[in-house]
């Protein structure tokens, strides 16, 4: 499930967007399971895909 929160009013003449990207799933892993870390990496990949598909190159350059 993805959850998005968007705009709040600002006094400056600019558009501001807040992305609150929640990526989660319920799974059961054994203690010390390497599958846990694989699964967490996969969730991070999904989160990053959502984020980077939501911003432009110009926006990313502003944060370099």
C-alpha atoms as a PDB file:
ATOM      1  CA  UNK A   1       0.000   0.000   0.000  1.00  0.00           C
ATOM      2  CA  UNK A   2       1.245   3.475  -0.856  1.00  0.00           C
ATOM      3  CA  UNK A   3       0.210   6.529   1.139  1.00  0.00           C
ATOM      4  CA  UNK A   4       0.631  10.043  -0.220  1.00  0.00           C
ATOM      5  CA  UNK A   5       0.324  13.364   1.581  1.00  0.00           C
ATOM      6  CA  UNK A   6       0.477  16.413  -0.588  1.00  0.00           C
ATOM      7  CA  UNK A   7       0.407  20.166  -0.331  1.00  0.00           C
ATOM      8  CA  UNK A   8       0.198  22.609   2.515  1.00  0.00           C
ATOM      9  CA  UNK A   9      -0.301  26.370   2.184  1.00  0.00           C
ATOM     10  CA  UNK A  10       2.876  28.467   2.069  1.00  0.00           C
ATOM     11  CA  UNK A  11       3.399  32.214   1.935  1.00  0.00           C
ATOM     12  CA  UNK A  12       6.158  32.019  -0.696  1.00  0.00           C
ATOM     13  CA  UNK A  13       5.219  31.874  -4.405  1.00  0.00           C
ATOM     14  CA  UNK A  14       6.333  28.265  -4.837  1.00  0.00           C
ATOM     15  CA  UNK A  15       4.748  24.875  -5.003  1.00  0.00           C
ATOM     16  CA  UNK A  16       5.765  22.595  -2.166  1.00  0.00           C
ATOM     17  CA  UNK A  17       4.970  18.940  -2.049  1.00  0.00           C
ATOM     18  CA  UNK A  18       5.590  16.504   0.765  1.00  0.00           C
ATOM     19  CA  UNK A  19       5.842  12.864  -0.234  1.00  0.00           C
ATOM     20  CA  UNK A  20       5.237  10.476   2.622  1.00  0.00           C
ATOM     21  CA  UNK A  21       5.981   7.125   1.026  1.00  0.00           C
ATOM     22  CA  UNK A  22       5.100   4.120   3.161  1.00  0.00           C
ATOM     23  CA  UNK A  23       5.955   0.718   1.750  1.00  0.00           C
ATOM     24  CA  UNK A  24       5.198  -2.260   3.907  1.00  0.00           C
ATOM     25  CA  UNK A  25       4.166  -5.902   3.958  1.00  0.00           C
ATOM     26  CA  UNK A  26       3.556  -8.479   6.636  1.00  0.00           C
ATOM     27  CA  UNK A  27       5.870 -11.471   6.569  1.00  0.00           C
ATOM     28  CA  UNK A  28       7.228 -13.939   9.127  1.00  0.00           C
ATOM     29  CA  UNK A  29      10.970 -14.601   9.212  1.00  0.00           C
ATOM     30  CA  UNK A  30      13.013 -16.861  11.429  1.00  0.00           C
ATOM     31  CA  UNK A  31      15.504 -15.287  13.805  1.00  0.00           C
ATOM     32  CA  UNK A  32      18.638 -14.201  11.955  1.00  0.00           C
ATOM     33  CA  UNK A  33      17.138 -15.086   8.574  1.00  0.00           C
ATOM     34  CA  UNK A  34      19.078 -13.621   5.618  1.00  0.00           C
ATOM     35  CA  UNK A  35      15.704 -13.486   3.829  1.00  0.00           C
ATOM     36  CA  UNK A  36      14.742 -10.612   6.135  1.00  0.00           C
ATOM     37  CA  UNK A  37      17.529  -8.389   4.782  1.00  0.00           C
ATOM     38  CA  UNK A  38      16.705  -9.356   1.200  1.00  0.00           C
ATOM     39  CA  UNK A  39      13.071  -8.443   1.822  1.00  0.00           C
ATOM     40  CA  UNK A  40      13.972  -5.095   3.438  1.00  0.00           C
ATOM     41  CA  UNK A  41      16.206  -4.281   0.456  1.00  0.00           C
ATOM     42  CA  UNK A  42      13.287  -5.050  -1.864  1.00  0.00           C
ATOM     43  CA  UNK A  43      10.976  -2.719   0.088  1.00  0.00           C
ATOM     44  CA  UNK A  44      13.642   0.019  -0.160  1.00  0.00           C
ATOM     45  CA  UNK A  45      13.806  -0.500  -3.931  1.00  0.00           C
ATOM     46  CA  UNK A  46      10.034  -0.084  -4.223  1.00  0.00           C
ATOM     47  CA  UNK A  47      10.111   3.066  -2.054  1.00  0.00           C
ATOM     48  CA  UNK A  48      12.931   4.548  -4.146  1.00  0.00           C
ATOM     49  CA  UNK A  49      11.135   3.709  -7.404  1.00  0.00           C
ATOM     50  CA  UNK A  50       8.039   5.572  -6.196  1.00  0.00           C
ATOM     51  CA  UNK A  51      10.087   8.557  -5.038  1.00  0.00           C
ATOM     52  CA  UNK A  52      12.262   8.915  -8.140  1.00  0.00           C
ATOM     53  CA  UNK A  53       9.276   8.521 -10.464  1.00  0.00           C
ATOM     54  CA  UNK A  54       7.628  11.411  -8.591  1.00  0.00           C
ATOM     55  CA  UNK A  55      10.343  14.043  -9.095  1.00  0.00           C
ATOM     56  CA  UNK A  56      11.994  15.592 -12.119  1.00  0.00           C
ATOM     57  CA  UNK A  57      15.695  15.760 -12.947  1.00  0.00           C
ATOM     58  CA  UNK A  58      15.576  19.495 -12.287  1.00  0.00           C
ATOM     59  CA  UNK A  59      14.255  18.875  -8.788  1.00  0.00           C
ATOM     60  CA  UNK A  60      16.987  16.328  -8.064  1.00  0.00           C
ATOM     61  CA  UNK A  61      19.679  18.740  -9.261  1.00  0.00           C
ATOM     62  CA  UNK A  62      18.554  21.257  -6.646  1.00  0.00           C
ATOM     63  CA  UNK A  63      19.566  18.789  -3.919  1.00  0.00           C
ATOM     64  CA  UNK A  64      22.977  17.785  -5.267  1.00  0.00           C
END
